[in-house]
Every structure is written in C-alpha cells, then in structure tokens.
Amino acid sequence: MEKGYKKLLVWQKANELAKQVYMITKQFPKEEIYGITSQLRRAALSIPTNIVEGTGRQGKRELNQFANVALGSLFETEYLLEFSKEMNYLRDEEYTNIEKARKQVGSLLWKFYHVL
C-alpha cells in the first residue's frame, strides 16, 4: 500500500528536486563538503521531508505549519543554487535545469499551502 504523501504531486516533484540537488553537488569542490554542499542538501531535502511530516500529523493546522517550513526551505534552496552558480560550482545548463525544477516545486507547494 502506498503512503498518502507519495500520492501528492508536490511531494513527488520535491523529492525529485532533492535527488537532483544531491547529484549536482557531488561535483562541488571537496572543501565545500561541510559548507555549501551540506547546507544546500539539507535545504533541498527539507522540502519533501516537511511535506511528509506534515501529512503524518493530525489536522490541517499542523500540515499548514509544515508546508510553511517547506516553503522557507524552498527559498533557501533558491538562494543557495544562485550562490553556487555565482561561485561557478554549477554550469549554466545545470543551473537552468535545476532552477526549472525548483520553480515547478515552488508553484505546486504554493498551491498546496493555500489549499490547506
């Protein structure tokens, strides 16, 4: 039986974004492992995990709170991706692709948050 959150398109896309972040940060400089690599991975992974945690709680109020935290993590991810591009850790094509995915998650998450 599939878990409830796995049926949510917003979670599916957030999960994919987190995986993409993990993949692209493998190429970041080794000296960044405890810096931007770690912070970007935590921020991106926080988006789907907060959706999961929120759906596991009782009531819309708590789900709304976790969706709000996920939105904050999405904005943190946005900044860290921009910073990574400015530091030349991401090529233009990589940045364009992951930013497209991030925007899609943002749109879905914003709608999800406002429906609650």
PDB file of N, CA and C in Angstrom:
ATOM      1  N   MET A   1       0.843  -1.195   0.000  1.00  0.00           N
ATOM      2  CA  MET A   1       0.000   0.000   0.000  1.00  0.00           C
ATOM      3  C   MET A   1       0.879   1.247   0.000  1.00  0.00           C
ATOM      4  N   GLU A   2       0.567   2.161  -0.864  1.00  0.00           N
ATOM      5  CA  GLU A   2       1.348   3.388  -0.998  1.00  0.00           C
ATOM      6  C   GLU A   2       0.960   4.391   0.081  1.00  0.00           C
ATOM      7  N   LYS A   3       1.976   5.027   0.669  1.00  0.00           N
ATOM      8  CA  LYS A   3       1.737   6.050   1.696  1.00  0.00           C
ATOM      9  C   LYS A   3       1.010   7.239   1.077  1.00  0.00           C
ATOM     10  N   GLY A   4       0.222   7.953   1.892  1.00  0.00           N
ATOM     11  CA  GLY A   4      -0.555   9.082   1.420  1.00  0.00           C
ATOM     12  C   GLY A   4       0.263  10.184   0.779  1.00  0.00           C
ATOM     13  N   TYR A   5       1.400  10.515   1.376  1.00  0.00           N
ATOM     14  CA  TYR A   5       2.212  11.605   0.840  1.00  0.00           C
ATOM     15  C   TYR A   5       2.785  11.267  -0.529  1.00  0.00           C
ATOM     16  N   LYS A   6       3.000   9.989  -0.811  1.00  0.00           N
ATOM     17  CA  LYS A   6       3.576   9.586  -2.095  1.00  0.00           C
ATOM     18  C   LYS A   6       2.620   9.839  -3.257  1.00  0.00           C
ATOM     19  N   LYS A   7       1.350  10.004  -2.952  1.00  0.00           N
ATOM     20  CA  LYS A   7       0.352  10.290  -3.974  1.00  0.00           C
ATOM     21  C   LYS A   7       0.335  11.773  -4.340  1.00  0.00           C
ATOM     22  N   LEU A   8       0.952  12.601  -3.519  1.00  0.00           N
ATOM     23  CA  LEU A   8       0.941  14.048  -3.740  1.00  0.00           C
ATOM     24  C   LEU A   8       1.976  14.441  -4.790  1.00  0.00           C
ATOM     25  N   LEU A   9       1.520  15.106  -5.842  1.00  0.00           N
ATOM     26  CA  LEU A   9       2.426  15.568  -6.893  1.00  0.00           C
ATOM     27  C   LEU A   9       3.475  16.514  -6.322  1.00  0.00           C
ATOM     28  N   VAL A  10       3.095  17.343  -5.374  1.00  0.00           N
ATOM     29  CA  VAL A  10       4.042  18.286  -4.779  1.00  0.00           C
ATOM     30  C   VAL A  10       5.182  17.536  -4.090  1.00  0.00           C
ATOM     31  N   TRP A  11       4.862  16.432  -3.397  1.00  0.00           N
ATOM     32  CA  TRP A  11       5.920  15.648  -2.759  1.00  0.00           C
ATOM     33  C   TRP A  11       6.788  14.969  -3.815  1.00  0.00           C
ATOM     34  N   GLN A  12       6.167  14.400  -4.842  1.00  0.00           N
ATOM     35  CA  GLN A  12       6.913  13.709  -5.896  1.00  0.00           C
ATOM     36  C   GLN A  12       7.933  14.642  -6.542  1.00  0.00           C
ATOM     37  N   LYS A  13       7.513  15.852  -6.860  1.00  0.00           N
ATOM     38  CA  LYS A  13       8.409  16.818  -7.515  1.00  0.00           C
ATOM     39  C   LYS A  13       9.468  17.333  -6.536  1.00  0.00           C
ATOM     40  N   ALA A  14       9.100  17.523  -5.274  1.00  0.00           N
ATOM     41  CA  ALA A  14      10.073  17.962  -4.267  1.00  0.00           C
ATOM     42  C   ALA A  14      11.117  16.876  -4.032  1.00  0.00           C
ATOM     43  N   ASN A  15      10.690  15.636  -4.037  1.00  0.00           N
ATOM     44  CA  ASN A  15      11.603  14.508  -3.883  1.00  0.00           C
ATOM     45  C   ASN A  15      12.585  14.453  -5.057  1.00  0.00           C
ATOM     46  N   GLU A  16      12.086  14.663  -6.257  1.00  0.00           N
ATOM     47  CA  GLU A  16      12.952  14.687  -7.444  1.00  0.00           C
ATOM     48  C   GLU A  16      13.955  15.832  -7.373  1.00  0.00           C
ATOM     49  N   LEU A  17      13.496  17.002  -6.922  1.00  0.00           N
ATOM     50  CA  LEU A  17      14.395  18.141  -6.773  1.00  0.00           C
ATOM     51  C   LEU A  17      15.514  17.821  -5.785  1.00  0.00           C
ATOM     52  N   ALA A  18      15.161  17.216  -4.666  1.00  0.00           N
ATOM     53  CA  ALA A  18      16.172  16.856  -3.665  1.00  0.00           C
ATOM     54  C   ALA A  18      17.197  15.897  -4.258  1.00  0.00           C
ATOM     55  N   LYS A  19      16.736  14.929  -5.025  1.00  0.00           N
ATOM     56  CA  LYS A  19      17.660  13.989  -5.669  1.00  0.00           C
ATOM     57  C   LYS A  19      18.574  14.704  -6.664  1.00  0.00           C
ATOM     58  N   GLN A  20      18.010  15.643  -7.420  1.00  0.00           N
ATOM     59  CA  GLN A  20      18.819  16.411  -8.372  1.00  0.00           C
ATOM     60  C   GLN A  20      19.891  17.218  -7.652  1.00  0.00           C
ATOM     61  N   VAL A  21      19.520  17.815  -6.523  1.00  0.00           N
ATOM     62  CA  VAL A  21      20.488  18.587  -5.744  1.00  0.00           C
ATOM     63  C   VAL A  21      21.618  17.679  -5.265  1.00  0.00           C
ATOM     64  N   TYR A  22      21.276  16.504  -4.778  1.00  0.00           N
ATOM     65  CA  TYR A  22      22.307  15.562  -4.335  1.00  0.00           C
ATOM     66  C   TYR A  22      23.251  15.199  -5.475  1.00  0.00           C
ATOM     67  N   MET A  23      22.690  14.998  -6.662  1.00  0.00           N
ATOM     68  CA  MET A  23      23.516  14.622  -7.812  1.00  0.00           C
ATOM     69  C   MET A  23      24.453  15.759  -8.232  1.00  0.00           C
ATOM     70  N   ILE A  24      23.931  16.976  -8.345  1.00  0.00           N
ATOM     71  CA  ILE A  24      24.785  18.062  -8.830  1.00  0.00           C
ATOM     72  C   ILE A  24      25.828  18.477  -7.802  1.00  0.00           C
ATOM     73  N   THR A  25      25.527  18.301  -6.517  1.00  0.00           N
ATOM     74  CA  THR A  25      26.505  18.718  -5.506  1.00  0.00           C
ATOM     75  C   THR A  25      27.651  17.725  -5.362  1.00  0.00           C
ATOM     76  N   LYS A  26      27.541  16.558  -5.989  1.00  0.00           N
ATOM     77  CA  LYS A  26      28.656  15.613  -5.975  1.00  0.00           C
ATOM     78  C   LYS A  26      29.892  16.193  -6.662  1.00  0.00           C
ATOM     79  N   GLN A  27      29.671  17.131  -7.577  1.00  0.00           N
ATOM     80  CA  GLN A  27      30.773  17.732  -8.315  1.00  0.00           C
ATOM     81  C   GLN A  27      31.331  18.995  -7.642  1.00  0.00           C
ATOM     82  N   PHE A  28      30.720  19.449  -6.567  1.00  0.00           N
ATOM     83  CA  PHE A  28      31.198  20.648  -5.882  1.00  0.00           C
ATOM     84  C   PHE A  28      32.592  20.382  -5.310  1.00  0.00           C
ATOM     85  N   PRO A  29      33.361  21.431  -5.106  1.00  0.00           N
ATOM     86  CA  PRO A  29      34.706  21.252  -4.539  1.00  0.00           C
ATOM     87  C   PRO A  29      34.654  20.525  -3.197  1.00  0.00           C
ATOM     88  N   LYS A  30      35.618  19.667  -2.971  1.00  0.00           N
ATOM     89  CA  LYS A  30      35.662  18.868  -1.734  1.00  0.00           C
ATOM     90  C   LYS A  30      35.726  19.747  -0.492  1.00  0.00           C
ATOM     91  N   GLU A  31      36.355  20.919  -0.618  1.00  0.00           N
ATOM     92  CA  GLU A  31      36.441  21.799   0.558  1.00  0.00           C
ATOM     93  C   GLU A  31      35.086  22.384   0.954  1.00  0.00           C
ATOM     94  N   GLU A  32      34.086  22.202   0.090  1.00  0.00           N
ATOM     95  CA  GLU A  32      32.737  22.698   0.382  1.00  0.00           C
ATOM     96  C   GLU A  32      31.833  21.634   1.019  1.00  0.00           C
ATOM     97  N   ILE A  33      32.361  20.450   1.276  1.00  0.00           N
ATOM     98  CA  ILE A  33      31.537  19.356   1.789  1.00  0.00           C
ATOM     99  C   ILE A  33      30.799  19.737   3.078  1.00  0.00           C
ATOM    100  N   TYR A  34      31.438  20.512   3.942  1.00  0.00           N
ATOM    101  CA  TYR A  34      30.791  20.934   5.189  1.00  0.00           C
ATOM    102  C   TYR A  34      30.219  22.341   5.085  1.00  0.00           C
ATOM    103  N   GLY A  35      30.360  22.935   3.915  1.00  0.00           N
ATOM    104  CA  GLY A  35      29.844  24.278   3.677  1.00  0.00           C
ATOM    105  C   GLY A  35      28.589  24.234   2.827  1.00  0.00           C
ATOM    106  N   ILE A  36      28.705  24.805   1.639  1.00  0.00           N
ATOM    107  CA  ILE A  36      27.520  24.955   0.789  1.00  0.00           C
ATOM    108  C   ILE A  36      26.932  23.616   0.348  1.00  0.00           C
ATOM    109  N   THR A  37      27.766  22.600   0.140  1.00  0.00           N
ATOM    110  CA  THR A  37      27.232  21.291  -0.259  1.00  0.00           C
ATOM    111  C   THR A  37      26.269  20.773   0.795  1.00  0.00           C
ATOM    112  N   SER A  38      26.714  20.777   2.025  1.00  0.00           N
ATOM    113  CA  SER A  38      25.887  20.292   3.131  1.00  0.00           C
ATOM    114  C   SER A  38      24.636  21.152   3.313  1.00  0.00           C
ATOM    115  N   GLN A  39      24.792  22.456   3.267  1.00  0.00           N
ATOM    116  CA  GLN A  39      23.667  23.349   3.502  1.00  0.00           C
ATOM    117  C   GLN A  39      22.629  23.246   2.386  1.00  0.00           C
ATOM    118  N   LEU A  40      23.090  23.159   1.148  1.00  0.00           N
ATOM    119  CA  LEU A  40      22.165  23.045   0.016  1.00  0.00           C
ATOM    120  C   LEU A  40      21.419  21.714   0.060  1.00  0.00           C
ATOM    121  N   ARG A  41      22.121  20.656   0.388  1.00  0.00           N
ATOM    122  CA  ARG A  41      21.468  19.349   0.501  1.00  0.00           C
ATOM    123  C   ARG A  41      20.421  19.346   1.612  1.00  0.00           C
ATOM    124  N   ARG A  42      20.750  19.918   2.760  1.00  0.00           N
ATOM    125  CA  ARG A  42      19.793  19.965   3.872  1.00  0.00           C
ATOM    126  C   ARG A  42      18.559  20.771   3.495  1.00  0.00           C
ATOM    127  N   ALA A  43      18.774  21.918   2.856  1.00  0.00           N
ATOM    128  CA  ALA A  43      17.645  22.773   2.471  1.00  0.00           C
ATOM    129  C   ALA A  43      16.735  22.063   1.477  1.00  0.00           C
ATOM    130  N   ALA A  44      17.332  21.438   0.457  1.00  0.00           N
ATOM    131  CA  ALA A  44      16.529  20.755  -0.571  1.00  0.00           C
ATOM    132  C   ALA A  44      15.793  19.551   0.008  1.00  0.00           C
ATOM    133  N   LEU A  45      16.449  18.802   0.872  1.00  0.00           N
ATOM    134  CA  LEU A  45      15.827  17.619   1.467  1.00  0.00           C
ATOM    135  C   LEU A  45      14.747  17.997   2.477  1.00  0.00           C
ATOM    136  N   SER A  46      14.851  19.181   3.027  1.00  0.00           N
ATOM    137  CA  SER A  46      13.864  19.664   3.988  1.00  0.00           C
ATOM    138  C   SER A  46      12.494  19.887   3.343  1.00  0.00           C
ATOM    139  N   ILE A  47      12.470  20.136   2.049  1.00  0.00           N
ATOM    140  CA  ILE A  47      11.197  20.394   1.370  1.00  0.00           C
ATOM    141  C   ILE A  47      10.313  19.140   1.384  1.00  0.00           C
ATOM    142  N   PRO A  48      10.765  18.019   0.811  1.00  0.00           N
ATOM    143  CA  PRO A  48       9.892  16.834   0.854  1.00  0.00           C
ATOM    144  C   PRO A  48       9.714  16.264   2.263  1.00  0.00           C
ATOM    145  N   THR A  49      10.718  16.370   3.118  1.00  0.00           N
ATOM    146  CA  THR A  49      10.567  15.796   4.458  1.00  0.00           C
ATOM    147  C   THR A  49       9.542  16.562   5.283  1.00  0.00           C
ATOM    148  N   ASN A  50       9.443  17.853   5.090  1.00  0.00           N
ATOM    149  CA  ASN A  50       8.410  18.610   5.803  1.00  0.00           C
ATOM    150  C   ASN A  50       7.018  18.300   5.277  1.00  0.00           C
ATOM    151  N   ILE A  51       6.913  18.022   3.982  1.00  0.00           N
ATOM    152  CA  ILE A  51       5.620  17.596   3.441  1.00  0.00           C
ATOM    153  C   ILE A  51       5.226  16.258   4.065  1.00  0.00           C
ATOM    154  N   VAL A  52       6.177  15.335   4.145  1.00  0.00           N
ATOM    155  CA  VAL A  52       5.923  14.028   4.752  1.00  0.00           C
ATOM    156  C   VAL A  52       5.506  14.184   6.209  1.00  0.00           C
ATOM    157  N   GLU A  53       6.273  14.961   6.960  1.00  0.00           N
ATOM    158  CA  GLU A  53       5.964  15.125   8.379  1.00  0.00           C
ATOM    159  C   GLU A  53       4.602  15.781   8.582  1.00  0.00           C
ATOM    160  N   GLY A  54       4.301  16.780   7.760  1.00  0.00           N
ATOM    161  CA  GLY A  54       3.010  17.456   7.872  1.00  0.00           C
ATOM    162  C   GLY A  54       1.834  16.551   7.589  1.00  0.00           C
ATOM    163  N   THR A  55       1.981  15.681   6.581  1.00  0.00           N
ATOM    164  CA  THR A  55       0.874  14.771   6.259  1.00  0.00           C
ATOM    165  C   THR A  55       0.701  13.690   7.323  1.00  0.00           C
ATOM    166  N   GLY A  56       1.739  13.474   8.119  1.00  0.00           N
ATOM    167  CA  GLY A  56       1.652  12.484   9.194  1.00  0.00           C
ATOM    168  C   GLY A  56       1.070  13.040  10.482  1.00  0.00           C
ATOM    169  N   ARG A  57       0.803  14.313  10.512  1.00  0.00           N
ATOM    170  CA  ARG A  57       0.242  14.954  11.702  1.00  0.00           C
ATOM    171  C   ARG A  57      -1.274  14.979  11.651  1.00  0.00           C
ATOM    172  N   GLN A  58      -1.846  15.338  12.774  1.00  0.00           N
ATOM    173  CA  GLN A  58      -3.301  15.423  12.874  1.00  0.00           C
ATOM    174  C   GLN A  58      -3.739  16.854  12.584  1.00  0.00           C
ATOM    175  N   GLY A  59      -4.577  17.021  11.610  1.00  0.00           N
ATOM    176  CA  GLY A  59      -5.196  18.314  11.365  1.00  0.00           C
ATOM    177  C   GLY A  59      -4.485  19.176  10.337  1.00  0.00           C
ATOM    178  N   LYS A  60      -5.283  20.041   9.732  1.00  0.00           N
ATOM    179  CA  LYS A  60      -4.788  20.941   8.690  1.00  0.00           C
ATOM    180  C   LYS A  60      -3.860  22.020   9.229  1.00  0.00           C
ATOM    181  N   ARG A  61      -4.078  22.416  10.460  1.00  0.00           N
ATOM    182  CA  ARG A  61      -3.254  23.487  11.034  1.00  0.00           C
ATOM    183  C   ARG A  61      -1.783  23.070  11.086  1.00  0.00           C
ATOM    184  N   GLU A  62      -1.536  21.845  11.539  1.00  0.00           N
ATOM    185  CA  GLU A  62      -0.161  21.358  11.606  1.00  0.00           C
ATOM    186  C   GLU A  62       0.408  21.129  10.214  1.00  0.00           C
ATOM    187  N   LEU A  63      -0.396  20.596   9.297  1.00  0.00           N
ATOM    188  CA  LEU A  63       0.063  20.414   7.926  1.00  0.00           C
ATOM    189  C   LEU A  63       0.432  21.751   7.310  1.00  0.00           C
ATOM    190  N   ASN A  64      -0.373  22.770   7.583  1.00  0.00           N
ATOM    191  CA  ASN A  64      -0.097  24.111   7.088  1.00  0.00           C
ATOM    192  C   ASN A  64       1.237  24.626   7.623  1.00  0.00           C
ATOM    193  N   GLN A  65       1.503  24.366   8.889  1.00  0.00           N
ATOM    194  CA  GLN A  65       2.761  24.804   9.513  1.00  0.00           C
ATOM    195  C   GLN A  65       3.961  24.133   8.827  1.00  0.00           C
ATOM    196  N   PHE A  66       3.866  22.837   8.561  1.00  0.00           N
ATOM    197  CA  PHE A  66       4.967  22.136   7.913  1.00  0.00           C
ATOM    198  C   PHE A  66       5.121  22.555   6.452  1.00  0.00           C
ATOM    199  N   ALA A  67       4.017  22.844   5.776  1.00  0.00           N
ATOM    200  CA  ALA A  67       4.084  23.345   4.402  1.00  0.00           C
ATOM    201  C   ALA A  67       4.763  24.704   4.380  1.00  0.00           C
ATOM    202  N   ASN A  68       4.511  25.513   5.398  1.00  0.00           N
ATOM    203  CA  ASN A  68       5.155  26.815   5.509  1.00  0.00           C
ATOM    204  C   ASN A  68       6.669  26.665   5.687  1.00  0.00           C
ATOM    205  N   VAL A  69       7.087  25.709   6.497  1.00  0.00           N
ATOM    206  CA  VAL A  69       8.518  25.441   6.683  1.00  0.00           C
ATOM    207  C   VAL A  69       9.127  24.968   5.360  1.00  0.00           C
ATOM    208  N   ALA A  70       8.399  24.122   4.631  1.00  0.00           N
ATOM    209  CA  ALA A  70       8.874  23.643   3.331  1.00  0.00           C
ATOM    210  C   ALA A  70       9.076  24.813   2.365  1.00  0.00           C
ATOM    211  N   LEU A  71       8.163  25.781   2.402  1.00  0.00           N
ATOM    212  CA  LEU A  71       8.322  26.975   1.563  1.00  0.00           C
ATOM    213  C   LEU A  71       9.595  27.740   1.924  1.00  0.00           C
ATOM    214  N   GLY A  72       9.857  27.866   3.211  1.00  0.00           N
ATOM    215  CA  GLY A  72      11.087  28.537   3.644  1.00  0.00           C
ATOM    216  C   GLY A  72      12.319  27.808   3.140  1.00  0.00           C
ATOM    217  N   SER A  73      12.296  26.494   3.190  1.00  0.00           N
ATOM    218  CA  SER A  73      13.409  25.694   2.694  1.00  0.00           C
ATOM    219  C   SER A  73      13.564  25.834   1.184  1.00  0.00           C
ATOM    220  N   LEU A  74      12.446  25.976   0.494  1.00  0.00           N
ATOM    221  CA  LEU A  74      12.493  26.189  -0.956  1.00  0.00           C
ATOM    222  C   LEU A  74      13.209  27.500  -1.283  1.00  0.00           C
ATOM    223  N   PHE A  75      12.912  28.558  -0.537  1.00  0.00           N
ATOM    224  CA  PHE A  75      13.568  29.836  -0.771  1.00  0.00           C
ATOM    225  C   PHE A  75      15.059  29.766  -0.420  1.00  0.00           C
ATOM    226  N   GLU A  76      15.380  29.031   0.623  1.00  0.00           N
ATOM    227  CA  GLU A  76      16.786  28.828   0.977  1.00  0.00           C
ATOM    228  C   GLU A  76      17.502  28.082  -0.151  1.00  0.00           C
ATOM    229  N   THR A  77      16.858  27.072  -0.688  1.00  0.00           N
ATOM    230  CA  THR A  77      17.423  26.319  -1.812  1.00  0.00           C
ATOM    231  C   THR A  77      17.646  27.229  -3.006  1.00  0.00           C
ATOM    232  N   GLU A  78      16.682  28.093  -3.281  1.00  0.00           N
ATOM    233  CA  GLU A  78      16.805  29.035  -4.406  1.00  0.00           C
ATOM    234  C   GLU A  78      18.062  29.884  -4.251  1.00  0.00           C
ATOM    235  N   TYR A  79      18.245  30.475  -3.087  1.00  0.00           N
ATOM    236  CA  TYR A  79      19.416  31.325  -2.864  1.00  0.00           C
ATOM    237  C   TYR A  79      20.715  30.530  -2.990  1.00  0.00           C
ATOM    238  N   LEU A  80      20.749  29.346  -2.386  1.00  0.00           N
ATOM    239  CA  LEU A  80      21.974  28.549  -2.408  1.00  0.00           C
ATOM    240  C   LEU A  80      22.328  28.084  -3.815  1.00  0.00           C
ATOM    241  N   LEU A  81      21.327  27.823  -4.639  1.00  0.00           N
ATOM    242  CA  LEU A  81      21.600  27.488  -6.040  1.00  0.00           C
ATOM    243  C   LEU A  81      22.167  28.690  -6.781  1.00  0.00           C
ATOM    244  N   GLU A  82      21.586  29.860  -6.548  1.00  0.00           N
ATOM    245  CA  GLU A  82      22.104  31.085  -7.169  1.00  0.00           C
ATOM    246  C   GLU A  82      23.549  31.338  -6.739  1.00  0.00           C
ATOM    247  N   PHE A  83      23.810  31.189  -5.453  1.00  0.00           N
ATOM    248  CA  PHE A  83      25.155  31.393  -4.921  1.00  0.00           C
ATOM    249  C   PHE A  83      26.134  30.395  -5.547  1.00  0.00           C
ATOM    250  N   SER A  84      25.694  29.141  -5.674  1.00  0.00           N
ATOM    251  CA  SER A  84      26.538  28.102  -6.275  1.00  0.00           C
ATOM    252  C   SER A  84      26.882  28.446  -7.721  1.00  0.00           C
ATOM    253  N   LYS A  85      25.930  29.005  -8.431  1.00  0.00           N
ATOM    254  CA  LYS A  85      26.188  29.426  -9.815  1.00  0.00           C
ATOM    255  C   LYS A  85      27.188  30.576  -9.831  1.00  0.00           C
ATOM    256  N   GLU A  86      27.008  31.534  -8.937  1.00  0.00           N
ATOM    257  CA  GLU A  86      27.929  32.676  -8.871  1.00  0.00           C
ATOM    258  C   GLU A  86      29.354  32.236  -8.540  1.00  0.00           C
ATOM    259  N   MET A  87      29.473  31.153  -7.787  1.00  0.00           N
ATOM    260  CA  MET A  87      30.791  30.625  -7.418  1.00  0.00           C
ATOM    261  C   MET A  87      31.347  29.680  -8.495  1.00  0.00           C
ATOM    262  N   ASN A  88      30.607  29.552  -9.587  1.00  0.00           N
ATOM    263  CA  ASN A  88      30.978  28.673 -10.709  1.00  0.00           C
ATOM    264  C   ASN A  88      31.033  27.200 -10.322  1.00  0.00           C
ATOM    265  N   TYR A  89      30.198  26.807  -9.360  1.00  0.00           N
ATOM    266  CA  TYR A  89      30.080  25.399  -8.994  1.00  0.00           C
ATOM    267  C   TYR A  89      29.065  24.703  -9.896  1.00  0.00           C
ATOM    268  N   LEU A  90      28.222  25.496 -10.555  1.00  0.00           N
ATOM    269  CA  LEU A  90      27.218  24.969 -11.479  1.00  0.00           C
ATOM    270  C   LEU A  90      27.425  25.583 -12.857  1.00  0.00           C
ATOM    271  N   ARG A  91      27.340  24.759 -13.874  1.00  0.00           N
ATOM    272  CA  ARG A  91      27.371  25.262 -15.243  1.00  0.00           C
ATOM    273  C   ARG A  91      25.997  25.865 -15.560  1.00  0.00           C
ATOM    274  N   ASP A  92      25.938  26.714 -16.560  1.00  0.00           N
ATOM    275  CA  ASP A  92      24.686  27.383 -16.918  1.00  0.00           C
ATOM    276  C   ASP A  92      23.552  26.396 -17.171  1.00  0.00           C
ATOM    277  N   GLU A  93      23.835  25.343 -17.919  1.00  0.00           N
ATOM    278  CA  GLU A  93      22.805  24.361 -18.249  1.00  0.00           C
ATOM    279  C   GLU A  93      22.306  23.635 -16.995  1.00  0.00           C
ATOM    280  N   GLU A  94      23.218  23.291 -16.102  1.00  0.00           N
ATOM    281  CA  GLU A  94      22.817  22.636 -14.847  1.00  0.00           C
ATOM    282  C   GLU A  94      21.920  23.550 -14.029  1.00  0.00           C
ATOM    283  N   TYR A  95      22.334  24.805 -13.931  1.00  0.00           N
ATOM    284  CA  TYR A  95      21.557  25.770 -13.159  1.00  0.00           C
ATOM    285  C   TYR A  95      20.171  25.954 -13.775  1.00  0.00           C
ATOM    286  N   THR A  96      20.117  26.099 -15.094  1.00  0.00           N
ATOM    287  CA  THR A  96      18.834  26.297 -15.779  1.00  0.00           C
ATOM    288  C   THR A  96      17.897  25.122 -15.520  1.00  0.00           C
ATOM    289  N   ASN A  97      18.417  23.907 -15.614  1.00  0.00           N
ATOM    290  CA  ASN A  97      17.592  22.714 -15.408  1.00  0.00           C
ATOM    291  C   ASN A  97      17.087  22.593 -13.977  1.00  0.00           C
ATOM    292  N   ILE A  98      17.970  22.807 -13.019  1.00  0.00           N
ATOM    293  CA  ILE A  98      17.546  22.649 -11.627  1.00  0.00           C
ATOM    294  C   ILE A  98      16.652  23.809 -11.191  1.00  0.00           C
ATOM    295  N   GLU A  99      16.875  24.977 -11.757  1.00  0.00           N
ATOM    296  CA  GLU A  99      16.023  26.119 -11.426  1.00  0.00           C
ATOM    297  C   GLU A  99      14.615  25.906 -11.980  1.00  0.00           C
ATOM    298  N   LYS A 100      14.518  25.284 -13.132  1.00  0.00           N
ATOM    299  CA  LYS A 100      13.203  24.948 -13.698  1.00  0.00           C
ATOM    300  C   LYS A 100      12.466  23.994 -12.758  1.00  0.00           C
ATOM    301  N   ALA A 101      13.169  22.998 -12.266  1.00  0.00           N
ATOM    302  CA  ALA A 101      12.565  22.037 -11.328  1.00  0.00           C
ATOM    303  C   ALA A 101      12.171  22.735 -10.026  1.00  0.00           C
ATOM    304  N   ARG A 102      13.029  23.635  -9.540  1.00  0.00           N
ATOM    305  CA  ARG A 102      12.743  24.355  -8.300  1.00  0.00           C
ATOM    306  C   ARG A 102      11.502  25.231  -8.450  1.00  0.00           C
ATOM    307  N   LYS A 103      11.385  25.896  -9.579  1.00  0.00           N
ATOM    308  CA  LYS A 103      10.208  26.740  -9.820  1.00  0.00           C
ATOM    309  C   LYS A 103       8.925  25.909  -9.873  1.00  0.00           C
ATOM    310  N   GLN A 104       9.014  24.730 -10.469  1.00  0.00           N
ATOM    311  CA  GLN A 104       7.848  23.857 -10.541  1.00  0.00           C
ATOM    312  C   GLN A 104       7.423  23.427  -9.131  1.00  0.00           C
ATOM    313  N   VAL A 105       8.389  23.063  -8.310  1.00  0.00           N
ATOM    314  CA  VAL A 105       8.091  22.703  -6.922  1.00  0.00           C
ATOM    315  C   VAL A 105       7.480  23.901  -6.206  1.00  0.00           C
ATOM    316  N   GLY A 106       8.037  25.076  -6.441  1.00  0.00           N
ATOM    317  CA  GLY A 106       7.516  26.283  -5.811  1.00  0.00           C
ATOM    318  C   GLY A 106       6.066  26.542  -6.154  1.00  0.00           C
ATOM    319  N   SER A 107       5.738  26.393  -7.409  1.00  0.00           N
ATOM    320  CA  SER A 107       4.354  26.603  -7.844  1.00  0.00           C
ATOM    321  C   SER A 107       3.410  25.597  -7.195  1.00  0.00           C
ATOM    322  N   LEU A 108       3.810  24.333  -7.201  1.00  0.00           N
ATOM    323  CA  LEU A 108       2.978  23.290  -6.594  1.00  0.00           C
ATOM    324  C   LEU A 108       2.859  23.468  -5.082  1.00  0.00           C
ATOM    325  N   LEU A 109       3.963  23.812  -4.448  1.00  0.00           N
ATOM    326  CA  LEU A 109       3.962  23.967  -2.997  1.00  0.00           C
ATOM    327  C   LEU A 109       3.124  25.173  -2.578  1.00  0.00           C
ATOM    328  N   TRP A 110       3.217  26.239  -3.333  1.00  0.00           N
ATOM    329  CA  TRP A 110       2.424  27.436  -3.038  1.00  0.00           C
ATOM    330  C   TRP A 110       0.934  27.119  -3.140  1.00  0.00           C
ATOM    331  N   LYS A 111       0.536  26.391  -4.179  1.00  0.00           N
ATOM    332  CA  LYS A 111      -0.867  25.998  -4.339  1.00  0.00           C
ATOM    333  C   LYS A 111      -1.294  25.063  -3.200  1.00  0.00           C
ATOM    334  N   PHE A 112      -0.443  24.119  -2.867  1.00  0.00           N
ATOM    335  CA  PHE A 112      -0.723  23.171  -1.781  1.00  0.00           C
ATOM    336  C   PHE A 112      -0.932  23.919  -0.465  1.00  0.00           C
ATOM    337  N   TYR A 113      -0.065  24.872  -0.189  1.00  0.00           N
ATOM    338  CA  TYR A 113      -0.130  25.670   1.043  1.00  0.00           C
ATOM    339  C   TYR A 113      -1.449  26.453   1.110  1.00  0.00           C
ATOM    340  N   HIS A 114      -1.850  27.025  -0.001  1.00  0.00           N
ATOM    341  CA  HIS A 114      -3.050  27.869   0.004  1.00  0.00           C
ATOM    342  C   HIS A 114      -4.352  27.077  -0.025  1.00  0.00           C
ATOM    343  N   VAL A 115      -4.282  25.811  -0.403  1.00  0.00           N
ATOM    344  CA  VAL A 115      -5.486  24.967  -0.404  1.00  0.00           C
ATOM    345  C   VAL A 115      -5.782  24.492   1.013  1.00  0.00           C
ATOM    346  N   LEU A 116      -4.754  24.428   1.850  1.00  0.00           N
ATOM    347  CA  LEU A 116      -4.933  23.908   3.203  1.00  0.00           C
ATOM    348  C   LEU A 116      -5.813  24.773   4.008  1.00  0.00           C
TER     349      LEU A 116
END
